PDB file of N, CA and C in Angstrom:
ATOM      1  N   UNK A   1       4.260  18.149  13.801  1.00  0.00           N
ATOM      2  CA  UNK A   1       5.764  17.184  13.446  1.00  0.00           C
ATOM      3  C   UNK A   1       4.736  15.902  13.719  1.00  0.00           C
ATOM      4  N   UNK A   2       3.982  15.762  14.779  1.00  0.00           N
ATOM      5  CA  UNK A   2       2.787  14.189  14.710  1.00  0.00           C
ATOM      6  C   UNK A   2       2.284  14.481  13.614  1.00  0.00           C
ATOM      7  N   UNK A   3       1.893  15.481  13.276  1.00  0.00           N
ATOM      8  CA  UNK A   3       0.595  15.297  11.946  1.00  0.00           C
ATOM      9  C   UNK A   3       1.514  14.771  10.397  1.00  0.00           C
ATOM     10  N   UNK A   4       2.962  15.279  11.013  1.00  0.00           N
ATOM     11  CA  UNK A   4       3.746  14.838   9.490  1.00  0.00           C
ATOM     12  C   UNK A   4       4.136  13.495   9.490  1.00  0.00           C
ATOM     13  N   UNK A   5       4.216  13.223  10.514  1.00  0.00           N
ATOM     14  CA  UNK A   5       4.816  11.316  10.613  1.00  0.00           C
ATOM     15  C   UNK A   5       3.386  10.386  10.701  1.00  0.00           C
ATOM     16  N   UNK A   6       2.351  11.194  11.072  1.00  0.00           N
ATOM     17  CA  UNK A   6       1.199  10.640  10.934  1.00  0.00           C
ATOM     18  C   UNK A   6       0.752  10.506   9.362  1.00  0.00           C
ATOM     19  N   UNK A   7       0.841  11.141   8.303  1.00  0.00           N
ATOM     20  CA  UNK A   7       0.959  11.550   7.281  1.00  0.00           C
ATOM     21  C   UNK A   7       1.487  10.326   6.357  1.00  0.00           C
ATOM     22  N   UNK A   8       3.003  10.056   6.725  1.00  0.00           N
ATOM     23  CA  UNK A   8       3.851   9.475   6.546  1.00  0.00           C
ATOM     24  C   UNK A   8       3.375   8.139   6.802  1.00  0.00           C
ATOM     25  N   UNK A   9       3.312   7.839   7.627  1.00  0.00           N
ATOM     26  CA  UNK A   9       2.063   6.471   8.210  1.00  0.00           C
ATOM     27  C   UNK A   9       1.125   5.793   7.128  1.00  0.00           C
ATOM     28  N   UNK A  10       0.362   6.694   6.971  1.00  0.00           N
ATOM     29  CA  UNK A  10      -0.658   6.493   6.445  1.00  0.00           C
ATOM     30  C   UNK A  10      -0.273   6.434   4.473  1.00  0.00           C
ATOM     31  N   UNK A  11       0.880   7.195   4.371  1.00  0.00           N
ATOM     32  CA  UNK A  11       1.305   7.056   2.655  1.00  0.00           C
ATOM     33  C   UNK A  11       2.133   5.759   2.666  1.00  0.00           C
ATOM     34  N   UNK A  12       2.964   5.577   3.704  1.00  0.00           N
ATOM     35  CA  UNK A  12       3.771   3.494   3.476  1.00  0.00           C
ATOM     36  C   UNK A  12       2.543   3.148   3.308  1.00  0.00           C
ATOM     37  N   UNK A  13       1.547   2.782   4.584  1.00  0.00           N
ATOM     38  CA  UNK A  13       0.483   1.605   5.023  1.00  0.00           C
ATOM     39  C   UNK A  13      -0.218   1.641   3.561  1.00  0.00           C
ATOM     40  N   UNK A  14      -0.673   2.672   2.469  1.00  0.00           N
ATOM     41  CA  UNK A  14      -1.023   2.913   1.816  1.00  0.00           C
ATOM     42  C   UNK A  14      -0.593   2.366  -0.002  1.00  0.00           C
ATOM     43  N   UNK A  15       0.325   2.970   0.365  1.00  0.00           N
ATOM     44  CA  UNK A  15       1.771   1.537  -0.434  1.00  0.00           C
ATOM     45  C   UNK A  15       1.769   0.731  -0.627  1.00  0.00           C
ATOM     46  N   UNK A  16       1.794   0.313   0.453  1.00  0.00           N
ATOM     47  CA  UNK A  16       1.790  -1.253   0.997  1.00  0.00           C
ATOM     48  C   UNK A  16       0.402  -2.121   0.601  1.00  0.00           C
ATOM     49  N   UNK A  17      -0.710  -1.213   0.857  1.00  0.00           N
ATOM     50  CA  UNK A  17      -2.168  -1.616   0.243  1.00  0.00           C
ATOM     51  C   UNK A  17      -1.916  -1.943  -0.912  1.00  0.00           C
ATOM     52  N   UNK A  18      -1.091  -0.878  -1.899  1.00  0.00           N
ATOM     53  CA  UNK A  18      -1.283  -0.331  -3.169  1.00  0.00           C
ATOM     54  C   UNK A  18      -0.811  -2.111  -3.693  1.00  0.00           C
ATOM     55  N   UNK A  19       0.533  -2.122  -3.344  1.00  0.00           N
ATOM     56  CA  UNK A  19       1.192  -3.076  -3.859  1.00  0.00           C
ATOM     57  C   UNK A  19       0.845  -4.257  -3.694  1.00  0.00           C
ATOM     58  N   UNK A  20      -0.215  -4.361  -2.091  1.00  0.00           N
ATOM     59  CA  UNK A  20      -0.251  -5.617  -1.987  1.00  0.00           C
ATOM     60  C   UNK A  20      -1.607  -6.161  -3.124  1.00  0.00           C
ATOM     61  N   UNK A  21      -1.831  -5.311  -3.530  1.00  0.00           N
ATOM     62  CA  UNK A  21      -3.333  -5.282  -4.124  1.00  0.00           C
ATOM     63  C   UNK A  21      -2.878  -5.464  -5.717  1.00  0.00           C
ATOM     64  N   UNK A  22      -2.061  -4.935  -6.319  1.00  0.00           N
ATOM     65  CA  UNK A  22      -1.131  -5.247  -7.066  1.00  0.00           C
ATOM     66  C   UNK A  22      -0.665  -7.035  -7.490  1.00  0.00           C
ATOM     67  N   UNK A  23       0.420  -6.958  -6.261  1.00  0.00           N
ATOM     68  CA  UNK A  23       0.268  -8.667  -6.264  1.00  0.00           C
ATOM     69  C   UNK A  23      -0.903  -9.558  -6.621  1.00  0.00           C
ATOM     70  N   UNK A  24      -2.154  -9.297  -5.894  1.00  0.00           N
ATOM     71  CA  UNK A  24      -3.245 -10.291  -5.934  1.00  0.00           C
ATOM     72  C   UNK A  24      -3.488 -10.165  -7.018  1.00  0.00           C
ATOM     73  N   UNK A  25      -3.932  -9.165  -7.526  1.00  0.00           N
ATOM     74  CA  UNK A  25      -4.613  -9.018  -8.849  1.00  0.00           C
ATOM     75  C   UNK A  25      -3.647  -9.610 -10.534  1.00  0.00           C
ATOM     76  N   UNK A  26      -1.920  -9.893  -9.880  1.00  0.00           N
ATOM     77  CA  UNK A  26      -1.120  -9.984 -11.052  1.00  0.00           C
ATOM     78  C   UNK A  26      -1.073 -11.440 -10.262  1.00  0.00           C
ATOM     79  N   UNK A  27      -1.673 -12.364  -9.638  1.00  0.00           N
ATOM     80  CA  UNK A  27      -2.028 -13.335  -9.182  1.00  0.00           C
ATOM     81  C   UNK A  27      -2.966 -14.671  -9.901  1.00  0.00           C
ATOM     82  N   UNK A  28      -4.387 -13.289 -10.020  1.00  0.00           N
ATOM     83  CA  UNK A  28      -5.182 -13.273 -10.845  1.00  0.00           C
ATOM     84  C   UNK A  28      -5.223 -13.884 -12.032  1.00  0.00           C
ATOM     85  N   UNK A  29      -4.459 -13.055 -12.189  1.00  0.00           N
ATOM     86  CA  UNK A  29      -4.339 -13.107 -14.152  1.00  0.00           C
ATOM     87  C   UNK A  29      -3.442 -14.280 -14.482  1.00  0.00           C
ATOM     88  N   UNK A  30      -2.680 -14.607 -13.920  1.00  0.00           N
ATOM     89  CA  UNK A  30      -1.888 -15.917 -14.261  1.00  0.00           C
ATOM     90  C   UNK A  30      -2.185 -16.924 -13.474  1.00  0.00           C
ATOM     91  N   UNK A  31      -3.569 -16.713 -12.758  1.00  0.00           N
ATOM     92  CA  UNK A  31      -4.096 -18.043 -12.653  1.00  0.00           C
ATOM     93  C   UNK A  31      -4.688 -18.578 -13.621  1.00  0.00           C
TER      94      UNK A  31
END
């Protein structure tokens, strides 16, 4: 159960990181 929560947390943070990188890439392209 704890491991499942850990994986879910890791997935969320990875997802947030990916979206942040995507926004940064869009900003770089737009400039």
